[in-house]
Amino acid sequence: MTAPPTRFVLPTRFNGPPETANGGYACGYFAGLAASRHGPDVAVTLLAPPPLGTELTFHPGTRRSQVRHGERLIATVAGGAGEFDAPAPVGLAAAREASTRFLGTTGHPFPTCFVCGTDRAVGDGLLLAPGAVAGRPSTVACVWTPDRSDADHRGDVGAPVVWAVLDCPGGWTDDPAEEPMVLSRMAARIYGRPAPGRPHVVVGRRLRRSGRTAVNVTALHDTDGNLIAEASAVWAAVNGTATPVVPHVHNRASAESTAEWTHGGRRAE
C-alpha cells in the first residue's frame, strides 16, 4: 500500500536566490522527511528550485522518494550517502582571518541568501563569510556562532539549518561572485548539534572542477576541532547572470551531478 504524501511549506526566511529556498536548507528538510523511509544517510538531488511559502508534497517511495510542487518534480531523495572526505579543522583565529578574504563582500550573486547573504540582519540570516585559508589551496573557512533564533523551543539547532551551514561555504571554494553556481546534489551527516551562543568553524574544500560542475566537501567543527557535521555536494554553474536563469539549470545539471557523484565513489540514485 502506497503511503500518502506529506504536505509542508518551506518558510520564506530560508531563501537562497530570491523567492526560492537555500539549497542546503531545502535538502536538509527533505532528508528529514525521508529519514523514516530511507534512513539518516541520504543523498538529495535538486531538479528545480524549491519554492517558498507555498505547499509542497513529499511522496515516499521504495527506492527513492520525491518532493513535488503540484505536478512539478522538485527533488528526489534516496538512501546511500556514501563516504565523506571532510576537510581538516581550521583554528578559530585562522577562520576569522580567512573571512577577511570573503569574495561576497562585493558582487554577491545572491545578497539576501539566508546563509551567506550580505544584506541579511543579525538574528535573521547566518551571515557566513567563508574566505580563502592561508596555505590551504581550494579551501575556505569562517566562524559561525549560532543565534538563538536558529534554535527550536528546546534550544536545539535543527538539522535543516546545519545542512544550510554546510552548503554555501562549499560554493565559495570557487568564485560565485564571478561565476554564479547553485547546489545540485547534497548529502550530509550530523554527529552532534551546535550550541547557540558558542563559536564554531565551517570549512569547505573543492575536490575537483569538471566543466560546469564542481564537487566539494564541507565540515562543521567546534573550537576544539571536534567534527560536528560533514557534507559532500555537487554545484552547477548557471552560465552568467544568476537569478533569472536559476530555474533553468537544475534539470540539465542533475545528469552532470549524478555523473560527478558516481565518479567520486558515491552512490548515484
C-alpha atoms as a PDB file:
ATOM      1  CA  MET A   1       0.000   0.000   0.000  1.00  0.00           C
ATOM      2  CA  THR A   2       1.385   3.394  -1.027  1.00  0.00           C
ATOM      3  CA  ALA A   3       1.845   5.822   1.848  1.00  0.00           C
ATOM      4  CA  PRO A   4       0.009   9.146   1.465  1.00  0.00           C
ATOM      5  CA  PRO A   5       2.054  12.255   0.683  1.00  0.00           C
ATOM      6  CA  THR A   6       3.119  14.644   3.421  1.00  0.00           C
ATOM      7  CA  ARG A   7       2.203  18.286   2.863  1.00  0.00           C
ATOM      8  CA  PHE A   8       4.508  21.034   4.095  1.00  0.00           C
ATOM      9  CA  VAL A   9       5.681  24.597   3.457  1.00  0.00           C
ATOM     10  CA  LEU A  10       9.253  25.925   3.460  1.00  0.00           C
ATOM     11  CA  PRO A  11       9.268  29.249   5.392  1.00  0.00           C
ATOM     12  CA  THR A  12      10.182  32.335   3.389  1.00  0.00           C
ATOM     13  CA  ARG A  13      13.038  33.203   5.773  1.00  0.00           C
ATOM     14  CA  PHE A  14      15.203  30.407   4.390  1.00  0.00           C
ATOM     15  CA  ASN A  15      15.866  31.656   0.871  1.00  0.00           C
ATOM     16  CA  GLY A  16      18.972  31.290  -1.251  1.00  0.00           C
ATOM     17  CA  PRO A  17      18.256  33.004  -4.560  1.00  0.00           C
ATOM     18  CA  PRO A  18      15.297  35.384  -4.235  1.00  0.00           C
ATOM     19  CA  GLU A  19      11.959  33.630  -3.707  1.00  0.00           C
ATOM     20  CA  THR A  20      13.441  30.126  -3.701  1.00  0.00           C
ATOM     21  CA  ALA A  21      14.890  28.080  -0.857  1.00  0.00           C
ATOM     22  CA  ASN A  22      18.512  27.898   0.133  1.00  0.00           C
ATOM     23  CA  GLY A  23      19.604  24.589  -1.370  1.00  0.00           C
ATOM     24  CA  GLY A  24      21.181  23.214   1.781  1.00  0.00           C
ATOM     25  CA  TYR A  25      18.195  24.109   3.945  1.00  0.00           C
ATOM     26  CA  ALA A  26      15.808  22.504   1.464  1.00  0.00           C
ATOM     27  CA  CYS A  27      17.939  19.360   1.161  1.00  0.00           C
ATOM     28  CA  GLY A  28      18.136  19.043   4.948  1.00  0.00           C
ATOM     29  CA  TYR A  29      14.383  19.468   5.282  1.00  0.00           C
ATOM     30  CA  PHE A  30      13.722  16.859   2.583  1.00  0.00           C
ATOM     31  CA  ALA A  31      16.224  14.484   4.206  1.00  0.00           C
ATOM     32  CA  GLY A  32      14.314  14.740   7.478  1.00  0.00           C
ATOM     33  CA  LEU A  33      11.056  13.849   5.764  1.00  0.00           C
ATOM     34  CA  ALA A  34      12.735  10.844   4.139  1.00  0.00           C
ATOM     35  CA  ALA A  35      14.511   9.529   7.243  1.00  0.00           C
ATOM     36  CA  SER A  36      11.778   7.091   8.238  1.00  0.00           C
ATOM     37  CA  ARG A  37      11.801   5.616   4.729  1.00  0.00           C
ATOM     38  CA  HIS A  38      15.470   5.727   3.701  1.00  0.00           C
ATOM     39  CA  GLY A  39      17.361   6.118   6.979  1.00  0.00           C
ATOM     40  CA  PRO A  40      19.544   9.005   8.171  1.00  0.00           C
ATOM     41  CA  ASP A  41      22.103   8.775   5.336  1.00  0.00           C
ATOM     42  CA  VAL A  42      20.540  10.074   2.129  1.00  0.00           C
ATOM     43  CA  ALA A  43      21.502  11.982  -0.990  1.00  0.00           C
ATOM     44  CA  VAL A  44      19.166  14.715  -2.198  1.00  0.00           C
ATOM     45  CA  THR A  45      19.086  15.789  -5.846  1.00  0.00           C
ATOM     46  CA  LEU A  46      17.501  19.140  -6.685  1.00  0.00           C
ATOM     47  CA  LEU A  47      15.737  19.121 -10.045  1.00  0.00           C
ATOM     48  CA  ALA A  48      14.087  22.549  -9.763  1.00  0.00           C
ATOM     49  CA  PRO A  49      14.390  25.481  -7.344  1.00  0.00           C
ATOM     50  CA  PRO A  50      12.310  24.720  -4.210  1.00  0.00           C
ATOM     51  CA  PRO A  51       9.657  27.422  -3.824  1.00  0.00           C
ATOM     52  CA  LEU A  52       8.989  29.138  -0.511  1.00  0.00           C
ATOM     53  CA  GLY A  53       5.740  29.900   1.262  1.00  0.00           C
ATOM     54  CA  THR A  54       3.652  27.507  -0.803  1.00  0.00           C
ATOM     55  CA  GLU A  55       2.504  23.944  -0.275  1.00  0.00           C
ATOM     56  CA  LEU A  56       4.861  21.164  -1.326  1.00  0.00           C
ATOM     57  CA  THR A  57       4.275  17.420  -1.060  1.00  0.00           C
ATOM     58  CA  PHE A  58       6.661  14.660  -0.069  1.00  0.00           C
ATOM     59  CA  HIS A  59       5.887  11.338  -1.763  1.00  0.00           C
ATOM     60  CA  PRO A  60       7.631   8.384  -0.064  1.00  0.00           C
ATOM     61  CA  GLY A  61       8.963   5.680  -2.345  1.00  0.00           C
ATOM     62  CA  THR A  62      10.738   2.370  -2.021  1.00  0.00           C
ATOM     63  CA  ARG A  63      13.967   3.147  -3.870  1.00  0.00           C
ATOM     64  CA  ARG A  64      13.647   6.913  -3.925  1.00  0.00           C
ATOM     65  CA  SER A  65      11.179   9.479  -2.676  1.00  0.00           C
ATOM     66  CA  GLN A  66      10.027  12.640  -4.393  1.00  0.00           C
ATOM     67  CA  VAL A  67       9.246  16.226  -3.478  1.00  0.00           C
ATOM     68  CA  ARG A  68       6.693  17.917  -5.729  1.00  0.00           C
ATOM     69  CA  HIS A  69       5.127  21.334  -6.176  1.00  0.00           C
ATOM     70  CA  GLY A  70       1.831  20.399  -7.752  1.00  0.00           C
ATOM     71  CA  GLU A  71       2.827  18.270 -10.739  1.00  0.00           C
ATOM     72  CA  ARG A  72       6.351  19.662 -10.879  1.00  0.00           C
ATOM     73  CA  LEU A  73       9.156  17.433  -9.571  1.00  0.00           C
ATOM     74  CA  ILE A  74      11.385  19.489  -7.267  1.00  0.00           C
ATOM     75  CA  ALA A  75      13.737  16.893  -5.773  1.00  0.00           C
ATOM     76  CA  THR A  76      14.428  13.221  -5.246  1.00  0.00           C
ATOM     77  CA  VAL A  77      15.789  11.622  -2.079  1.00  0.00           C
ATOM     78  CA  ALA A  78      17.484   8.225  -1.966  1.00  0.00           C
ATOM     79  CA  GLY A  79      19.444   6.233   0.594  1.00  0.00           C
ATOM     80  CA  GLY A  80      23.190   5.832   0.300  1.00  0.00           C
ATOM     81  CA  ALA A  81      25.119   8.994   1.135  1.00  0.00           C
ATOM     82  CA  GLY A  82      28.440   7.171   0.691  1.00  0.00           C
ATOM     83  CA  GLU A  83      31.734   8.106   2.286  1.00  0.00           C
ATOM     84  CA  PHE A  84      32.776  11.649   3.103  1.00  0.00           C
ATOM     85  CA  ASP A  85      36.182  13.291   2.922  1.00  0.00           C
ATOM     86  CA  ALA A  86      35.781  16.074   5.453  1.00  0.00           C
ATOM     87  CA  PRO A  87      38.335  18.872   5.322  1.00  0.00           C
ATOM     88  CA  ALA A  88      40.627  19.115   8.330  1.00  0.00           C
ATOM     89  CA  PRO A  89      39.764  21.609  11.076  1.00  0.00           C
ATOM     90  CA  VAL A  90      40.846  25.231  10.909  1.00  0.00           C
ATOM     91  CA  GLY A  91      41.569  27.152  14.075  1.00  0.00           C
ATOM     92  CA  LEU A  92      39.268  29.913  15.278  1.00  0.00           C
ATOM     93  CA  ALA A  93      41.773  32.711  14.650  1.00  0.00           C
ATOM     94  CA  ALA A  94      42.650  31.384  11.201  1.00  0.00           C
ATOM     95  CA  ALA A  95      38.965  31.109  10.287  1.00  0.00           C
ATOM     96  CA  ARG A  96      38.329  34.693  11.350  1.00  0.00           C
ATOM     97  CA  GLU A  97      41.323  35.821   9.339  1.00  0.00           C
ATOM     98  CA  ALA A  98      40.081  33.851   6.315  1.00  0.00           C
ATOM     99  CA  SER A  99      36.762  35.735   6.434  1.00  0.00           C
ATOM    100  CA  THR A 100      38.615  38.960   5.633  1.00  0.00           C
ATOM    101  CA  ARG A 101      39.061  37.456   2.144  1.00  0.00           C
ATOM    102  CA  PHE A 102      35.367  36.686   1.611  1.00  0.00           C
ATOM    103  CA  LEU A 103      34.663  37.320  -2.078  1.00  0.00           C
ATOM    104  CA  GLY A 104      30.992  38.072  -1.495  1.00  0.00           C
ATOM    105  CA  THR A 105      31.571  41.443   0.130  1.00  0.00           C
ATOM    106  CA  THR A 106      31.173  42.992  -3.323  1.00  0.00           C
ATOM    107  CA  GLY A 107      29.279  41.484  -6.231  1.00  0.00           C
ATOM    108  CA  HIS A 108      27.461  38.766  -4.247  1.00  0.00           C
ATOM    109  CA  PRO A 109      25.146  36.923  -6.699  1.00  0.00           C
ATOM    110  CA  PHE A 110      22.501  36.298  -4.017  1.00  0.00           C
ATOM    111  CA  PRO A 111      22.957  39.027  -1.361  1.00  0.00           C
ATOM    112  CA  THR A 112      19.767  38.077   0.528  1.00  0.00           C
ATOM    113  CA  CYS A 113      20.768  34.405   0.938  1.00  0.00           C
ATOM    114  CA  PHE A 114      19.866  33.108   4.409  1.00  0.00           C
ATOM    115  CA  VAL A 115      23.330  31.586   4.880  1.00  0.00           C
ATOM    116  CA  CYS A 116      25.920  33.852   3.268  1.00  0.00           C
ATOM    117  CA  GLY A 117      23.949  36.877   2.118  1.00  0.00           C
ATOM    118  CA  THR A 118      25.429  40.248   2.981  1.00  0.00           C
ATOM    119  CA  ASP A 119      22.055  42.020   3.094  1.00  0.00           C
ATOM    120  CA  ARG A 120      20.639  39.997   5.998  1.00  0.00           C
ATOM    121  CA  ALA A 121      20.475  41.273   9.570  1.00  0.00           C
ATOM    122  CA  VAL A 122      21.943  39.637  12.668  1.00  0.00           C
ATOM    123  CA  GLY A 123      19.381  37.163  14.005  1.00  0.00           C
ATOM    124  CA  ASP A 124      17.730  36.880  10.597  1.00  0.00           C
ATOM    125  CA  GLY A 125      20.459  35.439   8.360  1.00  0.00           C
ATOM    126  CA  LEU A 126      23.519  33.420   9.352  1.00  0.00           C
ATOM    127  CA  LEU A 127      25.960  35.949   7.807  1.00  0.00           C
ATOM    128  CA  LEU A 128      28.624  33.349   6.998  1.00  0.00           C
ATOM    129  CA  ALA A 129      31.627  34.859   5.225  1.00  0.00           C
ATOM    130  CA  PRO A 130      33.854  31.977   4.039  1.00  0.00           C
ATOM    131  CA  GLY A 131      37.196  33.130   2.681  1.00  0.00           C
ATOM    132  CA  ALA A 132      40.401  31.518   1.498  1.00  0.00           C
ATOM    133  CA  VAL A 133      42.507  29.801   4.183  1.00  0.00           C
ATOM    134  CA  ALA A 134      46.162  30.787   4.072  1.00  0.00           C
ATOM    135  CA  GLY A 135      48.380  27.916   2.952  1.00  0.00           C
ATOM    136  CA  ARG A 136      45.497  25.563   2.072  1.00  0.00           C
ATOM    137  CA  PRO A 137      44.623  25.624  -1.640  1.00  0.00           C
ATOM    138  CA  SER A 138      40.950  25.408  -2.664  1.00  0.00           C
ATOM    139  CA  THR A 139      39.905  25.724   0.992  1.00  0.00           C
ATOM    140  CA  VAL A 140      37.735  28.340   2.684  1.00  0.00           C
ATOM    141  CA  ALA A 141      36.682  28.818   6.290  1.00  0.00           C
ATOM    142  CA  CYS A 142      34.671  31.099   8.539  1.00  0.00           C
ATOM    143  CA  VAL A 143      33.302  31.287  12.068  1.00  0.00           C
ATOM    144  CA  TRP A 144      29.635  30.613  12.789  1.00  0.00           C
ATOM    145  CA  THR A 145      28.079  31.356  16.168  1.00  0.00           C
ATOM    146  CA  PRO A 146      24.518  30.001  16.136  1.00  0.00           C
ATOM    147  CA  ASP A 147      21.927  32.549  17.208  1.00  0.00           C
ATOM    148  CA  ARG A 148      19.000  31.759  19.498  1.00  0.00           C
ATOM    149  CA  SER A 149      16.749  32.477  16.533  1.00  0.00           C
ATOM    150  CA  ASP A 150      18.293  29.470  14.762  1.00  0.00           C
ATOM    151  CA  ALA A 151      17.208  27.090  17.541  1.00  0.00           C
ATOM    152  CA  ASP A 152      13.865  25.466  18.289  1.00  0.00           C
ATOM    153  CA  HIS A 153      11.895  25.661  21.531  1.00  0.00           C
ATOM    154  CA  ARG A 154      14.253  23.088  23.084  1.00  0.00           C
ATOM    155  CA  GLY A 155      17.287  25.192  22.245  1.00  0.00           C
ATOM    156  CA  ASP A 156      18.494  22.789  19.517  1.00  0.00           C
ATOM    157  CA  VAL A 157      19.661  23.973  16.118  1.00  0.00           C
ATOM    158  CA  GLY A 158      17.629  21.956  13.635  1.00  0.00           C
ATOM    159  CA  ALA A 159      19.139  19.677  11.007  1.00  0.00           C
ATOM    160  CA  PRO A 160      17.973  21.821   8.034  1.00  0.00           C
ATOM    161  CA  VAL A 161      19.936  24.783   9.425  1.00  0.00           C
ATOM    162  CA  VAL A 162      23.028  22.591   9.850  1.00  0.00           C
ATOM    163  CA  TRP A 163      22.669  21.394   6.238  1.00  0.00           C
ATOM    164  CA  ALA A 164      22.391  25.051   5.193  1.00  0.00           C
ATOM    165  CA  VAL A 165      25.586  25.911   7.072  1.00  0.00           C
ATOM    166  CA  LEU A 166      27.350  23.072   5.238  1.00  0.00           C
ATOM    167  CA  ASP A 167      26.011  24.246   1.895  1.00  0.00           C
ATOM    168  CA  CYS A 168      27.173  27.749   0.974  1.00  0.00           C
ATOM    169  CA  PRO A 169      30.824  27.591   2.136  1.00  0.00           C
ATOM    170  CA  GLY A 170      31.455  24.828  -0.394  1.00  0.00           C
ATOM    171  CA  GLY A 171      30.199  27.101  -3.146  1.00  0.00           C
ATOM    172  CA  TRP A 172      32.703  29.795  -2.182  1.00  0.00           C
ATOM    173  CA  THR A 173      35.633  27.471  -2.885  1.00  0.00           C
ATOM    174  CA  ASP A 174      35.119  28.805  -6.416  1.00  0.00           C
ATOM    175  CA  ASP A 175      34.066  32.407  -7.033  1.00  0.00           C
ATOM    176  CA  PRO A 176      30.270  32.567  -7.375  1.00  0.00           C
ATOM    177  CA  ALA A 177      30.526  36.355  -7.495  1.00  0.00           C
ATOM    178  CA  GLU A 178      32.361  35.883 -10.801  1.00  0.00           C
ATOM    179  CA  GLU A 179      30.527  32.728 -11.913  1.00  0.00           C
ATOM    180  CA  PRO A 180      27.229  32.101 -10.081  1.00  0.00           C
ATOM    181  CA  MET A 181      26.553  28.484  -9.146  1.00  0.00           C
ATOM    182  CA  VAL A 182      23.685  26.653  -7.473  1.00  0.00           C
ATOM    183  CA  LEU A 183      23.522  23.479  -5.439  1.00  0.00           C
ATOM    184  CA  SER A 184      22.539  20.434  -7.484  1.00  0.00           C
ATOM    185  CA  ARG A 185      23.084  17.473  -5.170  1.00  0.00           C
ATOM    186  CA  MET A 186      23.986  17.110  -1.484  1.00  0.00           C
ATOM    187  CA  ALA A 187      24.456  14.564   1.270  1.00  0.00           C
ATOM    188  CA  ALA A 188      25.293  15.321   4.898  1.00  0.00           C
ATOM    189  CA  ARG A 189      25.907  13.506   8.140  1.00  0.00           C
ATOM    190  CA  ILE A 190      25.334  15.132  11.545  1.00  0.00           C
ATOM    191  CA  TYR A 191      27.103  13.808  14.648  1.00  0.00           C
ATOM    192  CA  GLY A 192      26.039  16.453  17.157  1.00  0.00           C
ATOM    193  CA  ARG A 193      24.066  19.667  17.396  1.00  0.00           C
ATOM    194  CA  PRO A 194      25.862  23.029  17.521  1.00  0.00           C
ATOM    195  CA  ALA A 195      25.193  25.011  20.667  1.00  0.00           C
ATOM    196  CA  PRO A 196      23.673  28.506  20.298  1.00  0.00           C
ATOM    197  CA  GLY A 197      25.984  31.241  21.507  1.00  0.00           C
ATOM    198  CA  ARG A 198      29.161  29.207  21.011  1.00  0.00           C
ATOM    199  CA  PRO A 199      31.509  29.771  18.063  1.00  0.00           C
ATOM    200  CA  HIS A 200      32.052  27.006  15.525  1.00  0.00           C
ATOM    201  CA  VAL A 201      34.235  26.795  12.434  1.00  0.00           C
ATOM    202  CA  VAL A 202      32.946  25.880   8.991  1.00  0.00           C
ATOM    203  CA  VAL A 203      35.473  24.632   6.427  1.00  0.00           C
ATOM    204  CA  GLY A 204      34.913  23.987   2.719  1.00  0.00           C
ATOM    205  CA  ARG A 205      37.278  22.360   0.226  1.00  0.00           C
ATOM    206  CA  ARG A 206      36.905  21.921  -3.514  1.00  0.00           C
ATOM    207  CA  LEU A 207      37.746  18.379  -4.602  1.00  0.00           C
ATOM    208  CA  ARG A 208      37.556  18.939  -8.342  1.00  0.00           C
ATOM    209  CA  ARG A 209      36.004  21.009 -11.097  1.00  0.00           C
ATOM    210  CA  SER A 210      34.790  19.487 -14.373  1.00  0.00           C
ATOM    211  CA  GLY A 211      33.156  21.763 -16.912  1.00  0.00           C
ATOM    212  CA  ARG A 212      30.117  23.406 -15.356  1.00  0.00           C
ATOM    213  CA  THR A 213      30.107  21.260 -12.206  1.00  0.00           C
ATOM    214  CA  ALA A 214      32.186  21.397  -9.056  1.00  0.00           C
ATOM    215  CA  VAL A 215      32.423  18.789  -6.299  1.00  0.00           C
ATOM    216  CA  ASN A 216      33.235  19.979  -2.807  1.00  0.00           C
ATOM    217  CA  VAL A 217      33.188  18.821   0.802  1.00  0.00           C
ATOM    218  CA  THR A 218      32.417  20.811   3.934  1.00  0.00           C
ATOM    219  CA  ALA A 219      32.736  20.278   7.659  1.00  0.00           C
ATOM    220  CA  LEU A 220      31.498  21.908  10.847  1.00  0.00           C
ATOM    221  CA  HIS A 221      33.822  21.727  13.862  1.00  0.00           C
ATOM    222  CA  ASP A 222      33.694  23.056  17.391  1.00  0.00           C
ATOM    223  CA  THR A 223      36.573  25.175  18.643  1.00  0.00           C
ATOM    224  CA  ASP A 224      38.394  22.055  19.885  1.00  0.00           C
ATOM    225  CA  GLY A 225      38.402  20.629  16.358  1.00  0.00           C
ATOM    226  CA  ASN A 226      35.725  18.010  17.026  1.00  0.00           C
ATOM    227  CA  LEU A 227      33.666  17.141  13.957  1.00  0.00           C
ATOM    228  CA  ILE A 228      30.020  18.164  14.386  1.00  0.00           C
ATOM    229  CA  ALA A 229      28.811  17.530  10.831  1.00  0.00           C
ATOM    230  CA  GLU A 230      30.118  16.954   7.314  1.00  0.00           C
ATOM    231  CA  ALA A 231      28.763  17.047   3.781  1.00  0.00           C
ATOM    232  CA  SER A 232      29.562  16.411   0.151  1.00  0.00           C
ATOM    233  CA  ALA A 233      27.933  18.363  -2.654  1.00  0.00           C
ATOM    234  CA  VAL A 234      27.825  18.984  -6.375  1.00  0.00           C
ATOM    235  CA  TRP A 235      27.301  22.528  -7.630  1.00  0.00           C
ATOM    236  CA  ALA A 236      26.416  23.646 -11.165  1.00  0.00           C
ATOM    237  CA  ALA A 237      27.326  26.929 -12.835  1.00  0.00           C
ATOM    238  CA  VAL A 238      24.385  28.952 -14.114  1.00  0.00           C
ATOM    239  CA  ASN A 239      26.383  30.406 -17.005  1.00  0.00           C
ATOM    240  CA  GLY A 240      26.106  34.082 -16.350  1.00  0.00           C
ATOM    241  CA  THR A 241      23.803  36.421 -14.606  1.00  0.00           C
ATOM    242  CA  ALA A 242      22.418  34.441 -11.710  1.00  0.00           C
ATOM    243  CA  THR A 243      18.831  34.847 -10.652  1.00  0.00           C
ATOM    244  CA  PRO A 244      16.857  34.896 -13.948  1.00  0.00           C
ATOM    245  CA  VAL A 245      18.444  31.662 -15.179  1.00  0.00           C
ATOM    246  CA  VAL A 246      18.442  29.715 -11.922  1.00  0.00           C
ATOM    247  CA  PRO A 247      15.118  27.936 -12.626  1.00  0.00           C
ATOM    248  CA  HIS A 248      16.549  26.562 -15.875  1.00  0.00           C
ATOM    249  CA  VAL A 249      19.793  24.969 -14.711  1.00  0.00           C
ATOM    250  CA  HIS A 250      18.683  22.189 -12.372  1.00  0.00           C
ATOM    251  CA  ASN A 251      17.357  19.648 -14.846  1.00  0.00           C
ATOM    252  CA  ARG A 252      20.417  19.947 -17.068  1.00  0.00           C
ATOM    253  CA  ALA A 253      22.764  19.912 -14.096  1.00  0.00           C
ATOM    254  CA  SER A 254      21.228  16.854 -12.450  1.00  0.00           C
ATOM    255  CA  ALA A 255      22.636  14.430 -15.021  1.00  0.00           C
ATOM    256  CA  GLU A 256      26.073  16.016 -14.735  1.00  0.00           C
ATOM    257  CA  SER A 257      25.960  15.998 -10.940  1.00  0.00           C
ATOM    258  CA  THR A 258      24.981  12.324 -10.860  1.00  0.00           C
ATOM    259  CA  ALA A 259      27.963  11.515 -13.070  1.00  0.00           C
ATOM    260  CA  GLU A 260      30.247  13.526 -10.787  1.00  0.00           C
ATOM    261  CA  TRP A 261      28.817  11.806  -7.706  1.00  0.00           C
ATOM    262  CA  THR A 262      29.421   8.362  -9.187  1.00  0.00           C
ATOM    263  CA  HIS A 263      32.914   9.324 -10.326  1.00  0.00           C
ATOM    264  CA  GLY A 264      33.666  10.397  -6.770  1.00  0.00           C
ATOM    265  CA  GLY A 265      32.871   6.941  -5.411  1.00  0.00           C
ATOM    266  CA  ARG A 266      29.413   7.769  -4.101  1.00  0.00           C
ATOM    267  CA  ARG A 267      26.245   6.002  -4.985  1.00  0.00           C
ATOM    268  CA  ALA A 268      24.056   7.603  -7.602  1.00  0.00           C
ATOM    269  CA  GLU A 269      20.303   7.242  -7.398  1.00  0.00           C
END
